[in-house]
Amino acid sequence: MVENIVDIVLVEDNPADVELTLRALKKSHIANEIIVLTDGQQALDYFFARGAYTGRNTTKQPKVILLDLKLPKVGGLEVLRELKGNEKTRMIPVVVLTTSNEESDVIESYKLGVNSYLVKPVDFDQFLESVRNLGLYWLLLNQAPDLDI
């Protein structure tokens, strides 16, 4: 069985923000494969091939993870801590895309190894532009190492 290579993993529990993000990426012709995970536990299960994702091939990693901080079950900071603390997932770029502009969240995210931190703009057009720029940078411009394990 051949699995699709995922370019972006979006970890977001708000259906409206998921829709806006997917729309912005599609409108910009960015990313062939996107997987949406709706809570922190699901994200950890996906990346570490546990639970519903047991047996998932983890040798191909996404080019970028877009991570909300305010997630059910397991919070975004804990997801970030586990991703950056594991040899197999440490090198995957993680961009926090959240409504939180709390200084403590920004500081803790960078201490844990986040690659970028963006506060979601309230304005629809600004949100679309931010996501478009994110996709262009992380998928097309950023020079990343080959993450095949």
Protein backbone atom coordinates (compact mmCIF):
# COMPACT_ATOMS: atom_id res chain seq x y z
CA MET A 1 0.00 0.00 0.00
CA VAL A 2 1.36 3.41 -1.00
CA GLU A 3 0.59 6.23 1.41
CA ASN A 4 0.27 9.80 0.27
CA ILE A 5 3.08 12.04 1.36
CA VAL A 6 1.65 14.71 3.63
CA ASP A 7 3.00 18.21 3.10
CA ILE A 8 1.16 19.93 5.95
CA VAL A 9 -0.33 18.69 9.19
CA LEU A 10 -2.86 21.15 10.57
CA VAL A 11 -3.67 20.63 14.25
CA GLU A 12 -6.75 22.76 14.87
CA ASP A 13 -10.00 22.12 16.74
CA ASN A 14 -12.01 25.09 15.44
CA PRO A 15 -13.89 24.00 12.29
CA ALA A 16 -14.14 27.60 11.03
CA ASP A 17 -10.35 28.08 11.33
CA VAL A 18 -9.75 24.72 9.62
CA GLU A 19 -11.98 25.77 6.74
CA LEU A 20 -10.32 29.18 6.43
CA THR A 21 -6.84 27.68 6.51
CA LEU A 22 -7.64 25.03 3.92
CA ARG A 23 -9.32 27.63 1.73
CA ALA A 24 -6.33 29.95 1.93
CA LEU A 25 -3.91 27.15 1.02
CA LYS A 26 -6.08 25.96 -1.85
CA LYS A 27 -6.56 29.49 -3.16
CA SER A 28 -2.78 29.90 -3.18
CA HIS A 29 -2.25 26.51 -4.88
CA ILE A 30 -0.17 25.36 -1.91
CA ALA A 31 0.25 21.81 -0.65
CA ASN A 32 -0.90 18.70 -2.38
CA GLU A 33 -1.61 16.77 0.80
CA ILE A 34 -2.91 18.18 4.04
CA ILE A 35 -4.07 16.21 7.05
CA VAL A 36 -6.23 17.84 9.69
CA LEU A 37 -6.07 16.63 13.28
CA THR A 38 -8.60 18.08 15.70
CA ASP A 39 -7.07 17.60 19.14
CA GLY A 40 -3.69 17.20 20.80
CA GLN A 41 -4.08 13.51 21.56
CA GLN A 42 -4.95 12.74 17.95
CA ALA A 43 -1.85 14.69 16.84
CA LEU A 44 0.43 12.74 19.16
CA ASP A 45 -1.16 9.45 18.09
CA TYR A 46 -0.61 10.40 14.43
CA PHE A 47 3.05 11.37 14.81
CA PHE A 48 3.97 8.44 17.03
CA ALA A 49 1.79 5.84 15.22
CA ARG A 50 -0.38 5.06 18.23
CA GLY A 51 -4.10 4.45 18.75
CA ALA A 52 -6.08 4.88 15.53
CA TYR A 53 -2.77 5.45 13.69
CA THR A 54 -1.03 2.26 14.86
CA GLY A 55 0.99 0.91 11.98
CA ARG A 56 1.18 4.26 10.14
CA ASN A 57 4.39 4.59 8.16
CA THR A 58 6.36 7.26 10.00
CA THR A 59 9.33 7.34 7.64
CA LYS A 60 7.91 10.23 5.58
CA GLN A 61 7.30 13.31 7.67
CA PRO A 62 5.37 16.46 6.70
CA LYS A 63 7.16 19.58 5.54
CA VAL A 64 5.50 21.65 8.27
CA ILE A 65 3.08 21.37 11.19
CA LEU A 66 0.62 24.20 11.82
CA LEU A 67 -0.24 23.89 15.50
CA ASP A 68 -2.93 25.66 17.50
CA LEU A 69 -2.18 26.01 21.22
CA LYS A 70 -5.73 25.88 22.56
CA LEU A 71 -6.55 22.22 21.87
CA PRO A 72 -8.81 19.72 23.64
CA LYS A 73 -7.45 16.59 25.38
CA VAL A 74 -3.76 17.56 25.13
CA GLY A 75 -2.78 21.22 24.79
CA GLY A 76 -0.63 22.54 22.00
CA LEU A 77 2.34 23.28 24.24
CA GLU A 78 2.42 19.65 25.39
CA VAL A 79 2.18 18.48 21.76
CA LEU A 80 5.09 20.79 20.90
CA ARG A 81 7.08 19.51 23.91
CA GLU A 82 6.67 15.89 22.79
CA LEU A 83 7.38 16.60 19.12
CA LYS A 84 10.56 18.56 19.83
CA GLY A 85 11.65 16.12 22.52
CA ASN A 86 11.62 13.11 20.21
CA GLU A 87 14.49 12.32 17.86
CA LYS A 88 12.13 11.22 15.04
CA THR A 89 10.01 14.38 15.04
CA ARG A 90 12.40 17.03 16.37
CA MET A 91 13.42 18.34 12.93
CA ILE A 92 9.90 18.84 11.55
CA PRO A 93 9.23 22.58 11.40
CA VAL A 94 6.38 23.58 13.72
CA VAL A 95 4.54 26.86 13.30
CA VAL A 96 2.23 27.86 16.12
CA LEU A 97 -0.85 29.42 14.54
CA THR A 98 -3.07 30.51 17.40
CA THR A 99 -5.33 33.21 18.79
CA SER A 100 -3.14 33.53 21.89
CA ASN A 101 -0.89 36.54 22.01
CA GLU A 102 0.00 35.85 25.65
CA GLU A 103 3.69 36.57 26.15
CA SER A 104 4.02 33.46 28.31
CA ASP A 105 2.75 31.27 25.41
CA VAL A 106 5.19 32.89 23.00
CA ILE A 107 8.13 32.44 25.38
CA GLU A 108 7.25 28.84 26.27
CA SER A 109 6.76 27.94 22.59
CA TYR A 110 10.22 29.20 21.70
CA LYS A 111 11.78 27.51 24.73
CA LEU A 112 10.27 24.24 23.49
CA GLY A 113 11.71 24.72 20.00
CA VAL A 114 8.92 26.18 17.86
CA ASN A 115 10.14 27.44 14.50
CA SER A 116 7.68 30.30 14.21
CA TYR A 117 4.80 31.81 16.21
CA LEU A 118 1.91 33.60 14.53
CA VAL A 119 -1.22 35.07 16.05
CA LYS A 120 -4.23 34.47 13.80
CA PRO A 121 -5.43 37.77 12.39
CA VAL A 122 -9.10 38.50 13.05
CA ASP A 123 -9.54 40.09 9.62
CA PHE A 124 -10.43 37.49 6.98
CA ASP A 125 -8.20 38.93 4.23
CA GLN A 126 -5.26 39.24 6.60
CA PHE A 127 -5.80 35.63 7.73
CA LEU A 128 -5.79 34.43 4.12
CA GLU A 129 -2.62 36.38 3.39
CA SER A 130 -0.87 35.08 6.52
CA VAL A 131 -1.66 31.45 5.68
CA ARG A 132 -0.65 31.96 2.04
CA ASN A 133 2.70 33.41 3.13
CA LEU A 134 3.19 30.58 5.64
CA GLY A 135 2.63 27.98 2.95
CA LEU A 136 4.87 29.70 0.43
CA TYR A 137 7.71 30.03 2.90
CA TRP A 138 7.63 26.60 4.56
CA LEU A 139 6.80 24.57 1.45
CA LEU A 140 8.63 26.42 -1.30
CA LEU A 141 11.31 28.73 0.08
CA ASN A 142 12.59 27.08 3.24
CA GLN A 143 15.59 24.79 2.72
CA ALA A 144 14.85 21.83 4.95
CA PRO A 145 16.86 18.67 5.54
CA ASP A 146 15.55 15.41 4.14
CA LEU A 147 13.44 14.12 7.02
CA ASP A 148 13.13 10.55 5.75
CA ILE A 149 14.01 8.31 8.65
